[in-house]
Amino acid sequence: MEKDDSFYAYPINMQDVRKMPDYKKIDHELQSSKDPSKIQSAKNLEEYWIASVGETLYSKMIDKYNKKMWFVDDNRKIDTFNWSPKGITLKDGPKRAWDTAISGYPYSLDGYDKYFPIAKENTQVLLNTTCEVINIQKKEVLIEGEKKSFDIIVSTIGPDVFLNEVLGPLK
C-alpha cells in the first residue's frame, strides 16, 4: 500500500479511489474480487470487507478505523454483523452516505430551535431521570417507585443497560 496523506469520503467512493496513488493496484483487486458468494458467506467483518473491496482498500479505509470505532484489536472478532444491511460498500456517484432519501435543513438562522417548543407541546419531558424497565413492550417503567406508562420512551444509554442485559451485554 502506497503512503497516502489525503482525506477521502465515507462510504468509500470511486471518485476518491481513482485519485489514490495506488489506484492501479486497487483497481486490479476490485476486478478480481467480484464474487458475491464470498461477500454473503463472510464470517467476520474483515472477510466481508476484503471480499467487497480488496486488501488495499480494506487496509487503507477500514482496518484501523474500525478497530478504533469498536474498541477491538482484531476485526475478525466482529462476527455478528448480520444486522447490517450489507449494502453497497463502494459507491460510484454522489458522495452522500444516504443518497436515497430527502434530507431537510433549516432555513432559519437559529436552526431547529423553533421546532423544539412545538415538539414538546402536550408532552411530558423527564430529563435526568432514573427509571427501571417493567415492560418495554407496554412502555411501562418505575420512576421513584411509581409505575408509569408512556407513548414514547427516549433513552440515551446503551440498550443492554436499559434492558438490564436481558439478552446479555452488547459486544
Foldseek 3Di string as FASTA:
>chain_A
DDDDDDDAFPLAEVVVLVVDPCNVVQVVQQVPLPDVVQLVPDQFDLSNVCSQRNDPCCVVPPDVVVCVVVVHPDRRVHRPPPVDPSPRSYHYDDRDPDPVDDDDWDPDPVTCVVVVVVVCPPHDDDPPFDWADDDVVQQWIAGPNDIDGDPDDDDPDDPCVNPVNPVHDDD
